C-alpha atoms as a PDB file:
ATOM      1  CA  UNK A   1      21.111 234.031  43.985  1.00  0.00           C
ATOM      2  CA  UNK A   2      19.913 234.020  47.583  1.00  0.00           C
ATOM      3  CA  UNK A   3      18.013 231.021  48.956  1.00  0.00           C
ATOM      4  CA  UNK A   4      14.642 232.778  49.009  1.00  0.00           C
ATOM      5  CA  UNK A   5      14.810 233.763  45.340  1.00  0.00           C
ATOM      6  CA  UNK A   6      16.161 230.338  44.388  1.00  0.00           C
ATOM      7  CA  UNK A   7      13.240 228.582  46.083  1.00  0.00           C
ATOM      8  CA  UNK A   8      10.798 231.022  44.478  1.00  0.00           C
ATOM      9  CA  UNK A   9      12.339 230.359  41.067  1.00  0.00           C
ATOM     10  CA  UNK A  10      12.152 226.585  41.546  1.00  0.00           C
ATOM     11  CA  UNK A  11       8.523 226.918  42.640  1.00  0.00           C
ATOM     12  CA  UNK A  12       7.687 228.732  39.399  1.00  0.00           C
ATOM     13  CA  UNK A  13       9.490 226.029  37.379  1.00  0.00           C
ATOM     14  CA  UNK A  14       7.327 223.414  39.122  1.00  0.00           C
ATOM     15  CA  UNK A  15       4.203 225.376  38.184  1.00  0.00           C
ATOM     16  CA  UNK A  16       5.371 225.775  34.579  1.00  0.00           C
ATOM     17  CA  UNK A  17       6.231 222.077  34.343  1.00  0.00           C
ATOM     18  CA  UNK A  18       2.905 220.897  35.777  1.00  0.00           C
ATOM     19  CA  UNK A  19       1.115 223.328  33.469  1.00  0.00           C
ATOM     20  CA  UNK A  20       1.413 220.854  30.585  1.00  0.00           C
ATOM     21  CA  UNK A  21      -0.597 218.279  32.545  1.00  0.00           C
ATOM     22  CA  UNK A  22      -3.154 220.965  33.389  1.00  0.00           C
ATOM     23  CA  UNK A  23      -3.407 221.860  29.698  1.00  0.00           C
ATOM     24  CA  UNK A  24      -4.102 218.207  28.930  1.00  0.00           C
ATOM     25  CA  UNK A  25      -6.851 218.259  31.549  1.00  0.00           C
ATOM     26  CA  UNK A  26      -8.478 221.172  29.741  1.00  0.00           C
ATOM     27  CA  UNK A  27      -8.073 220.047  26.114  1.00  0.00           C
ATOM     28  CA  UNK A  28      -9.652 216.693  26.956  1.00  0.00           C
ATOM     29  CA  UNK A  29     -12.888 218.656  27.460  1.00  0.00           C
ATOM     30  CA  UNK A  30     -12.678 221.714  25.215  1.00  0.00           C
ATOM     31  CA  UNK A  31     -11.100 222.945  21.972  1.00  0.00           C
ATOM     32  CA  UNK A  32      -7.434 223.896  22.571  1.00  0.00           C
ATOM     33  CA  UNK A  33      -7.763 227.296  20.876  1.00  0.00           C
ATOM     34  CA  UNK A  34     -10.856 228.089  22.934  1.00  0.00           C
ATOM     35  CA  UNK A  35      -9.061 227.002  26.095  1.00  0.00           C
ATOM     36  CA  UNK A  36      -6.121 229.260  25.235  1.00  0.00           C
ATOM     37  CA  UNK A  37      -8.462 232.171  24.480  1.00  0.00           C
ATOM     38  CA  UNK A  38     -10.048 231.820  27.909  1.00  0.00           C
ATOM     39  CA  UNK A  39      -6.632 231.594  29.550  1.00  0.00           C
ATOM     40  CA  UNK A  40      -5.448 234.887  28.124  1.00  0.00           C
ATOM     41  CA  UNK A  41      -8.808 236.589  28.668  1.00  0.00           C
ATOM     42  CA  UNK A  42      -8.586 235.936  32.402  1.00  0.00           C
ATOM     43  CA  UNK A  43      -4.843 236.721  32.499  1.00  0.00           C
ATOM     44  CA  UNK A  44      -5.248 240.126  30.818  1.00  0.00           C
ATOM     45  CA  UNK A  45      -8.464 241.402  32.373  1.00  0.00           C
ATOM     46  CA  UNK A  46      -8.405 243.139  34.801  1.00  0.00           C
ATOM     47  CA  UNK A  47      -4.562 243.049  35.121  1.00  0.00           C
ATOM     48  CA  UNK A  48      -4.060 245.354  32.134  1.00  0.00           C
ATOM     49  CA  UNK A  49      -5.875 248.156  33.999  1.00  0.00           C
ATOM     50  CA  UNK A  50      -3.309 248.067  36.821  1.00  0.00           C
ATOM     51  CA  UNK A  51      -0.117 247.752  34.779  1.00  0.00           C
ATOM     52  CA  UNK A  52       1.248 250.786  32.976  1.00  0.00           C
ATOM     53  CA  UNK A  53       1.750 250.344  29.240  1.00  0.00           C
ATOM     54  CA  UNK A  54       5.427 250.042  28.314  1.00  0.00           C
ATOM     55  CA  UNK A  55       6.762 252.748  26.017  1.00  0.00           C
ATOM     56  CA  UNK A  56       7.104 250.625  22.888  1.00  0.00           C
ATOM     57  CA  UNK A  57       5.436 250.718  19.494  1.00  0.00           C
ATOM     58  CA  UNK A  58       2.025 249.093  19.248  1.00  0.00           C
ATOM     59  CA  UNK A  59       3.148 246.787  16.446  1.00  0.00           C
ATOM     60  CA  UNK A  60       5.579 245.047  18.804  1.00  0.00           C
ATOM     61  CA  UNK A  61       2.864 244.550  21.420  1.00  0.00           C
ATOM     62  CA  UNK A  62       0.440 243.228  18.825  1.00  0.00           C
ATOM     63  CA  UNK A  63       3.028 240.965  17.227  1.00  0.00           C
ATOM     64  CA  UNK A  64       4.114 239.576  20.579  1.00  0.00           C
ATOM     65  CA  UNK A  65       0.547 238.931  21.724  1.00  0.00           C
ATOM     66  CA  UNK A  66      -0.451 237.120  18.548  1.00  0.00           C
ATOM     67  CA  UNK A  67       2.679 234.995  18.250  1.00  0.00           C
ATOM     68  CA  UNK A  68       2.911 234.184  21.959  1.00  0.00           C
ATOM     69  CA  UNK A  69      -0.761 233.316  22.383  1.00  0.00           C
ATOM     70  CA  UNK A  70      -1.578 231.642  19.075  1.00  0.00           C
ATOM     71  CA  UNK A  71       1.840 230.395  18.037  1.00  0.00           C
ATOM     72  CA  UNK A  72       3.264 229.240  21.353  1.00  0.00           C
ATOM     73  CA  UNK A  73       0.333 228.265  23.539  1.00  0.00           C
ATOM     74  CA  UNK A  74      -2.388 227.785  20.939  1.00  0.00           C
ATOM     75  CA  UNK A  75      -0.198 225.348  19.011  1.00  0.00           C
ATOM     76  CA  UNK A  76       1.290 223.946  22.226  1.00  0.00           C
ATOM     77  CA  UNK A  77      -2.167 223.117  23.593  1.00  0.00           C
ATOM     78  CA  UNK A  78      -3.269 221.757  20.233  1.00  0.00           C
ATOM     79  CA  UNK A  79      -0.215 219.474  20.121  1.00  0.00           C
ATOM     80  CA  UNK A  80      -1.360 217.830  23.355  1.00  0.00           C
ATOM     81  CA  UNK A  81      -4.885 217.338  22.026  1.00  0.00           C
ATOM     82  CA  UNK A  82      -3.298 215.903  18.860  1.00  0.00           C
ATOM     83  CA  UNK A  83      -1.777 213.075  20.901  1.00  0.00           C
ATOM     84  CA  UNK A  84       1.532 214.422  22.187  1.00  0.00           C
ATOM     85  CA  UNK A  85       1.895 213.583  25.861  1.00  0.00           C
ATOM     86  CA  UNK A  86       2.149 216.399  28.389  1.00  0.00           C
ATOM     87  CA  UNK A  87       5.635 215.233  29.357  1.00  0.00           C
ATOM     88  CA  UNK A  88       6.993 215.136  25.810  1.00  0.00           C
ATOM     89  CA  UNK A  89       5.379 218.501  25.026  1.00  0.00           C
ATOM     90  CA  UNK A  90       7.256 220.063  27.950  1.00  0.00           C
ATOM     91  CA  UNK A  91      10.552 218.627  26.674  1.00  0.00           C
ATOM     92  CA  UNK A  92      10.145 219.316  22.967  1.00  0.00           C
ATOM     93  CA  UNK A  93       9.053 222.914  23.520  1.00  0.00           C
ATOM     94  CA  UNK A  94      12.578 223.511  24.837  1.00  0.00           C
ATOM     95  CA  UNK A  95      13.770 223.106  21.237  1.00  0.00           C
ATOM     96  CA  UNK A  96      12.994 226.816  20.941  1.00  0.00           C
ATOM     97  CA  UNK A  97      16.548 227.400  22.178  1.00  0.00           C
ATOM     98  CA  UNK A  98      18.012 225.523  19.201  1.00  0.00           C
ATOM     99  CA  UNK A  99      15.583 227.138  16.772  1.00  0.00           C
ATOM    100  CA  UNK A 100      16.506 230.584  18.143  1.00  0.00           C
ATOM    101  CA  UNK A 101      20.137 229.762  17.461  1.00  0.00           C
ATOM    102  CA  UNK A 102      19.354 228.780  13.866  1.00  0.00           C
ATOM    103  CA  UNK A 103      17.192 231.864  13.321  1.00  0.00           C
ATOM    104  CA  UNK A 104      19.925 234.062  14.786  1.00  0.00           C
ATOM    105  CA  UNK A 105      22.554 232.567  12.490  1.00  0.00           C
ATOM    106  CA  UNK A 106      20.632 232.315   9.203  1.00  0.00           C
ATOM    107  CA  UNK A 107      18.213 235.249   9.516  1.00  0.00           C
ATOM    108  CA  UNK A 108      19.872 237.757  11.829  1.00  0.00           C
ATOM    109  CA  UNK A 109      23.434 236.853  10.720  1.00  0.00           C
ATOM    110  CA  UNK A 110      24.582 236.495  14.325  1.00  0.00           C
ATOM    111  CA  UNK A 111      27.846 234.790  15.227  1.00  0.00           C
ATOM    112  CA  UNK A 112      27.391 231.378  16.840  1.00  0.00           C
ATOM    113  CA  UNK A 113      30.017 229.964  19.192  1.00  0.00           C
ATOM    114  CA  UNK A 114      31.219 226.416  18.383  1.00  0.00           C
ATOM    115  CA  UNK A 115      30.083 225.164  21.799  1.00  0.00           C
ATOM    116  CA  UNK A 116      26.527 226.233  20.968  1.00  0.00           C
ATOM    117  CA  UNK A 117      26.717 224.320  17.686  1.00  0.00           C
ATOM    118  CA  UNK A 118      27.786 221.196  19.583  1.00  0.00           C
ATOM    119  CA  UNK A 119      24.920 221.644  22.056  1.00  0.00           C
ATOM    120  CA  UNK A 120      22.419 222.147  19.230  1.00  0.00           C
ATOM    121  CA  UNK A 121      23.581 218.991  17.440  1.00  0.00           C
ATOM    122  CA  UNK A 122      23.138 216.964  20.636  1.00  0.00           C
ATOM    123  CA  UNK A 123      19.641 218.419  21.194  1.00  0.00           C
ATOM    124  CA  UNK A 124      18.655 217.745  17.559  1.00  0.00           C
ATOM    125  CA  UNK A 125      19.783 214.137  17.974  1.00  0.00           C
ATOM    126  CA  UNK A 126      17.425 213.939  20.934  1.00  0.00           C
ATOM    127  CA  UNK A 127      14.624 215.394  18.809  1.00  0.00           C
ATOM    128  CA  UNK A 128      15.303 212.843  16.059  1.00  0.00           C
ATOM    129  CA  UNK A 129      15.304 210.016  18.602  1.00  0.00           C
ATOM    130  CA  UNK A 130      11.992 211.195  20.058  1.00  0.00           C
ATOM    131  CA  UNK A 131      10.351 210.506  16.695  1.00  0.00           C
ATOM    132  CA  UNK A 132      11.120 206.825  17.161  1.00  0.00           C
ATOM    133  CA  UNK A 133       9.195 206.619  20.450  1.00  0.00           C
ATOM    134  CA  UNK A 134       6.470 204.027  19.908  1.00  0.00           C
ATOM    135  CA  UNK A 135       4.500 204.117  23.168  1.00  0.00           C
ATOM    136  CA  UNK A 136       1.868 206.483  21.749  1.00  0.00           C
ATOM    137  CA  UNK A 137       3.172 209.575  23.548  1.00  0.00           C
ATOM    138  CA  UNK A 138       4.536 211.144  20.340  1.00  0.00           C
ATOM    139  CA  UNK A 139       2.352 211.654  17.264  1.00  0.00           C
ATOM    140  CA  UNK A 140       3.314 213.201  13.933  1.00  0.00           C
ATOM    141  CA  UNK A 141       0.689 215.949  14.128  1.00  0.00           C
ATOM    142  CA  UNK A 142       1.503 216.657  17.766  1.00  0.00           C
ATOM    143  CA  UNK A 143       5.199 216.904  16.922  1.00  0.00           C
ATOM    144  CA  UNK A 144       4.493 219.359  14.093  1.00  0.00           C
ATOM    145  CA  UNK A 145       2.391 221.575  16.360  1.00  0.00           C
ATOM    146  CA  UNK A 146       4.923 221.626  19.194  1.00  0.00           C
ATOM    147  CA  UNK A 147       7.745 222.525  16.793  1.00  0.00           C
ATOM    148  CA  UNK A 148       5.604 225.385  15.459  1.00  0.00           C
ATOM    149  CA  UNK A 149       5.168 226.436  19.095  1.00  0.00           C
ATOM    150  CA  UNK A 150       8.943 226.274  19.635  1.00  0.00           C
ATOM    151  CA  UNK A 151       9.537 228.374  16.496  1.00  0.00           C
ATOM    152  CA  UNK A 152       6.947 230.873  17.697  1.00  0.00           C
ATOM    153  CA  UNK A 153       8.717 231.140  21.041  1.00  0.00           C
ATOM    154  CA  UNK A 154      11.894 232.026  19.177  1.00  0.00           C
ATOM    155  CA  UNK A 155      10.031 234.717  17.248  1.00  0.00           C
ATOM    156  CA  UNK A 156       8.675 236.223  20.487  1.00  0.00           C
ATOM    157  CA  UNK A 157      12.259 236.518  21.747  1.00  0.00           C
ATOM    158  CA  UNK A 158      13.172 238.454  18.594  1.00  0.00           C
ATOM    159  CA  UNK A 159      10.153 240.739  19.032  1.00  0.00           C
ATOM    160  CA  UNK A 160      11.100 241.500  22.631  1.00  0.00           C
ATOM    161  CA  UNK A 161      14.661 242.244  21.530  1.00  0.00           C
ATOM    162  CA  UNK A 162      13.470 244.493  18.691  1.00  0.00           C
ATOM    163  CA  UNK A 163      11.093 246.321  21.022  1.00  0.00           C
ATOM    164  CA  UNK A 164      14.040 247.177  23.252  1.00  0.00           C
ATOM    165  CA  UNK A 165      12.020 247.218  26.465  1.00  0.00           C
ATOM    166  CA  UNK A 166      13.179 246.285  29.941  1.00  0.00           C
ATOM    167  CA  UNK A 167       9.597 246.189  31.229  1.00  0.00           C
ATOM    168  CA  UNK A 168       9.083 242.567  30.232  1.00  0.00           C
ATOM    169  CA  UNK A 169       6.132 241.919  32.542  1.00  0.00           C
ATOM    170  CA  UNK A 170       4.236 245.006  31.368  1.00  0.00           C
ATOM    171  CA  UNK A 171       5.180 244.188  27.780  1.00  0.00           C
ATOM    172  CA  UNK A 172       3.752 240.669  28.086  1.00  0.00           C
ATOM    173  CA  UNK A 173       0.526 241.840  29.760  1.00  0.00           C
ATOM    174  CA  UNK A 174      -0.188 244.536  27.169  1.00  0.00           C
ATOM    175  CA  UNK A 175       0.869 242.217  24.344  1.00  0.00           C
ATOM    176  CA  UNK A 176      -1.541 239.532  25.521  1.00  0.00           C
ATOM    177  CA  UNK A 177      -4.340 242.085  25.222  1.00  0.00           C
ATOM    178  CA  UNK A 178      -4.342 241.286  21.488  1.00  0.00           C
ATOM    179  CA  UNK A 179      -4.624 237.526  22.024  1.00  0.00           C
ATOM    180  CA  UNK A 180      -8.198 236.596  23.066  1.00  0.00           C
ATOM    181  CA  UNK A 181     -10.231 237.881  20.092  1.00  0.00           C
ATOM    182  CA  UNK A 182      -8.101 236.201  17.369  1.00  0.00           C
ATOM    183  CA  UNK A 183      -8.096 232.959  19.381  1.00  0.00           C
ATOM    184  CA  UNK A 184     -11.901 233.054  19.768  1.00  0.00           C
ATOM    185  CA  UNK A 185     -12.175 233.737  16.015  1.00  0.00           C
ATOM    186  CA  UNK A 186      -9.916 230.792  15.142  1.00  0.00           C
ATOM    187  CA  UNK A 187     -11.861 228.512  17.475  1.00  0.00           C
ATOM    188  CA  UNK A 188     -15.063 229.675  15.748  1.00  0.00           C
ATOM    189  CA  UNK A 189     -13.598 228.969  12.290  1.00  0.00           C
ATOM    190  CA  UNK A 190     -12.365 225.564  13.411  1.00  0.00           C
ATOM    191  CA  UNK A 191     -15.502 224.371  15.184  1.00  0.00           C
ATOM    192  CA  UNK A 192     -18.283 226.573  13.855  1.00  0.00           C
ATOM    193  CA  UNK A 193     -20.802 228.572  15.917  1.00  0.00           C
ATOM    194  CA  UNK A 194     -21.600 225.498  18.009  1.00  0.00           C
ATOM    195  CA  UNK A 195     -18.106 225.804  19.445  1.00  0.00           C
ATOM    196  CA  UNK A 196     -18.945 229.033  21.242  1.00  0.00           C
ATOM    197  CA  UNK A 197     -22.615 228.293  21.847  1.00  0.00           C
ATOM    198  CA  UNK A 198     -21.791 225.211  23.894  1.00  0.00           C
ATOM    199  CA  UNK A 199     -19.147 226.990  25.966  1.00  0.00           C
ATOM    200  CA  UNK A 200     -21.345 227.090  29.050  1.00  0.00           C
ATOM    201  CA  UNK A 201     -21.901 223.337  29.010  1.00  0.00           C
ATOM    202  CA  UNK A 202     -18.177 222.700  28.457  1.00  0.00           C
ATOM    203  CA  UNK A 203     -17.137 224.894  31.359  1.00  0.00           C
ATOM    204  CA  UNK A 204     -17.065 222.085  33.901  1.00  0.00           C
ATOM    205  CA  UNK A 205     -14.738 221.804  36.878  1.00  0.00           C
ATOM    206  CA  UNK A 206     -11.806 220.494  34.838  1.00  0.00           C
ATOM    207  CA  UNK A 207     -12.006 223.307  32.287  1.00  0.00           C
ATOM    208  CA  UNK A 208     -12.432 226.007  34.919  1.00  0.00           C
ATOM    209  CA  UNK A 209      -9.450 224.729  36.900  1.00  0.00           C
ATOM    210  CA  UNK A 210      -7.323 224.464  33.745  1.00  0.00           C
ATOM    211  CA  UNK A 211      -8.170 228.008  32.639  1.00  0.00           C
ATOM    212  CA  UNK A 212      -7.629 229.625  36.033  1.00  0.00           C
ATOM    213  CA  UNK A 213      -4.400 227.721  36.708  1.00  0.00           C
ATOM    214  CA  UNK A 214      -2.976 228.791  33.357  1.00  0.00           C
ATOM    215  CA  UNK A 215      -4.154 232.389  33.744  1.00  0.00           C
ATOM    216  CA  UNK A 216      -3.003 233.160  37.273  1.00  0.00           C
ATOM    217  CA  UNK A 217      -0.244 230.910  38.712  1.00  0.00           C
ATOM    218  CA  UNK A 218       1.338 230.166  35.315  1.00  0.00           C
ATOM    219  CA  UNK A 219       0.944 233.461  33.461  1.00  0.00           C
ATOM    220  CA  UNK A 220       0.609 236.312  35.951  1.00  0.00           C
ATOM    221  CA  UNK A 221       2.460 234.973  38.981  1.00  0.00           C
ATOM    222  CA  UNK A 222       5.017 233.005  36.955  1.00  0.00           C
ATOM    223  CA  UNK A 223       5.998 235.855  34.661  1.00  0.00           C
ATOM    224  CA  UNK A 224       6.038 238.366  37.516  1.00  0.00           C
ATOM    225  CA  UNK A 225       8.550 236.218  39.420  1.00  0.00           C
ATOM    226  CA  UNK A 226      10.569 235.472  36.268  1.00  0.00           C
ATOM    227  CA  UNK A 227      10.789 239.162  35.363  1.00  0.00           C
ATOM    228  CA  UNK A 228      11.826 240.007  38.931  1.00  0.00           C
ATOM    229  CA  UNK A 229      14.633 237.440  38.834  1.00  0.00           C
ATOM    230  CA  UNK A 230      15.840 238.648  35.428  1.00  0.00           C
ATOM    231  CA  UNK A 231      16.069 242.211  36.705  1.00  0.00           C
ATOM    232  CA  UNK A 232      17.838 241.207  39.918  1.00  0.00           C
ATOM    233  CA  UNK A 233      20.319 238.623  38.560  1.00  0.00           C
ATOM    234  CA  UNK A 234      22.326 237.992  35.353  1.00  0.00           C
ATOM    235  CA  UNK A 235      20.587 235.931  32.676  1.00  0.00           C
ATOM    236  CA  UNK A 236      23.300 233.266  32.981  1.00  0.00           C
ATOM    237  CA  UNK A 237      22.275 232.781  36.623  1.00  0.00           C
ATOM    238  CA  UNK A 238      18.518 232.619  36.012  1.00  0.00           C
ATOM    239  CA  UNK A 239      18.314 230.772  32.662  1.00  0.00           C
ATOM    240  CA  UNK A 240      19.467 227.338  33.959  1.00  0.00           C
ATOM    241  CA  UNK A 241      16.344 227.182  36.130  1.00  0.00           C
ATOM    242  CA  UNK A 242      14.249 226.621  32.997  1.00  0.00           C
ATOM    243  CA  UNK A 243      15.797 223.163  32.569  1.00  0.00           C
ATOM    244  CA  UNK A 244      13.673 222.106  35.528  1.00  0.00           C
ATOM    245  CA  UNK A 245      10.495 222.697  33.498  1.00  0.00           C
ATOM    246  CA  UNK A 246      10.722 219.537  31.322  1.00  0.00           C
ATOM    247  CA  UNK A 247      11.743 217.489  34.366  1.00  0.00           C
ATOM    248  CA  UNK A 248       8.640 218.532  36.290  1.00  0.00           C
ATOM    249  CA  UNK A 249       6.638 218.252  33.064  1.00  0.00           C
ATOM    250  CA  UNK A 250       7.628 214.601  32.721  1.00  0.00           C
ATOM    251  CA  UNK A 251       7.055 213.924  36.417  1.00  0.00           C
ATOM    252  CA  UNK A 252       3.616 215.524  36.287  1.00  0.00           C
ATOM    253  CA  UNK A 253       2.617 213.505  33.256  1.00  0.00           C
ATOM    254  CA  UNK A 254       3.894 210.296  34.870  1.00  0.00           C
ATOM    255  CA  UNK A 255       2.016 210.984  38.119  1.00  0.00           C
ATOM    256  CA  UNK A 256      -1.294 212.245  36.728  1.00  0.00           C
ATOM    257  CA  UNK A 257      -1.496 210.339  33.438  1.00  0.00           C
ATOM    258  CA  UNK A 258       0.793 207.352  34.092  1.00  0.00           C
ATOM    259  CA  UNK A 259       3.015 208.274  31.164  1.00  0.00           C
ATOM    260  CA  UNK A 260       5.645 205.583  30.726  1.00  0.00           C
ATOM    261  CA  UNK A 261       9.240 206.789  30.482  1.00  0.00           C
ATOM    262  CA  UNK A 262      11.054 204.002  28.657  1.00  0.00           C
ATOM    263  CA  UNK A 263      14.703 203.828  27.679  1.00  0.00           C
ATOM    264  CA  UNK A 264      14.325 205.456  24.243  1.00  0.00           C
ATOM    265  CA  UNK A 265      12.199 208.320  25.571  1.00  0.00           C
ATOM    266  CA  UNK A 266      14.495 208.873  28.545  1.00  0.00           C
ATOM    267  CA  UNK A 267      17.531 208.963  26.256  1.00  0.00           C
ATOM    268  CA  UNK A 268      15.807 211.386  23.845  1.00  0.00           C
ATOM    269  CA  UNK A 269      14.850 213.722  26.691  1.00  0.00           C
ATOM    270  CA  UNK A 270      18.332 213.484  28.192  1.00  0.00           C
ATOM    271  CA  UNK A 271      19.980 214.381  24.883  1.00  0.00           C
ATOM    272  CA  UNK A 272      17.740 217.418  24.449  1.00  0.00           C
ATOM    273  CA  UNK A 273      18.325 218.712  27.978  1.00  0.00           C
ATOM    274  CA  UNK A 274      22.084 217.996  27.924  1.00  0.00           C
ATOM    275  CA  UNK A 275      22.366 219.671  24.517  1.00  0.00           C
ATOM    276  CA  UNK A 276      20.682 222.800  25.840  1.00  0.00           C
ATOM    277  CA  UNK A 277      22.923 222.827  28.904  1.00  0.00           C
ATOM    278  CA  UNK A 278      26.031 222.525  26.694  1.00  0.00           C
ATOM    279  CA  UNK A 279      24.802 225.521  24.733  1.00  0.00           C
ATOM    280  CA  UNK A 280      24.826 227.610  27.931  1.00  0.00           C
ATOM    281  CA  UNK A 281      28.524 227.025  28.564  1.00  0.00           C
ATOM    282  CA  UNK A 282      30.591 230.171  28.050  1.00  0.00           C
ATOM    283  CA  UNK A 283      33.488 229.500  25.658  1.00  0.00           C
ATOM    284  CA  UNK A 284      35.787 231.896  27.508  1.00  0.00           C
ATOM    285  CA  UNK A 285      35.172 230.228  30.869  1.00  0.00           C
ATOM    286  CA  UNK A 286      35.653 226.766  29.356  1.00  0.00           C
ATOM    287  CA  UNK A 287      39.000 227.785  27.842  1.00  0.00           C
ATOM    288  CA  UNK A 288      40.103 229.364  31.106  1.00  0.00           C
ATOM    289  CA  UNK A 289      39.186 226.215  33.014  1.00  0.00           C
ATOM    290  CA  UNK A 290      40.981 223.907  30.575  1.00  0.00           C
ATOM    291  CA  UNK A 291      44.149 225.994  30.831  1.00  0.00           C
ATOM    292  CA  UNK A 292      44.164 225.933  34.613  1.00  0.00           C
ATOM    293  CA  UNK A 293      46.846 223.874  36.393  1.00  0.00           C
ATOM    294  CA  UNK A 294      45.660 220.466  37.586  1.00  0.00           C
ATOM    295  CA  UNK A 295      45.970 221.539  41.195  1.00  0.00           C
ATOM    296  CA  UNK A 296      43.597 224.455  40.625  1.00  0.00           C
ATOM    297  CA  UNK A 297      41.017 222.183  38.955  1.00  0.00           C
ATOM    298  CA  UNK A 298      41.093 219.843  41.935  1.00  0.00           C
ATOM    299  CA  UNK A 299      40.427 222.753  44.280  1.00  0.00           C
ATOM    300  CA  UNK A 300      37.481 223.833  42.105  1.00  0.00           C
END
């Protein structure tokens, strides 16, 4: 990856990491489902009129939009309002990698390499340890919501794979077209008509900034860059960048909300991130490296 693309990728990871703090800014003022509905409304319109629809079946677009918007970000935003800190939300959402592995093995009957099993066990140990955090940054309800979000992220990956499209950016834009109305409806059911009637009074500076930041830098710009990198480079080259997201998520939460990162929390986060990194290791390359002469390893 050339330096320009690397810096662009890191910049997007910073935006995606700080997004969790921006979500917290918004959900402190407005219902999380309503906030998410506004995010996707601004992200889709007018962008959908300038992006050609990908040649996939409508059911994949609809399924992706509903699961991605409601399952991933609706539940993710709700988890933060339910007491999960922005930093821990950014870390625990990465459990989607482990969940995808489990879904692939048990549901799709995919073969799982032993190294991925080891990585998943390490990450799950980190998840279990995070439950014991007692500084108020992890709540039971928040943990449930973020794990639902992680599961939903895994389902979106399956939908994209089933759709068989290479136009990921167009696929995400047209999929998100189905997101706003169901989210508005759920917000209405959760909070009653007053929820929508008081929207004007709730749309203060914090809410407006949160919505626009999530809609444009995070969603449109972020996914455009990510799709561009995926097309230009192998997935194994681009994927490791995502491990920067929880790091910047924790930093953002510590800077803007003074989230304390104690020993137990740091260890839990480290186990999750290290476990995910282990899962990325290619078994073939590891075997080749281990069978190299000592002199060759020293050169490497």
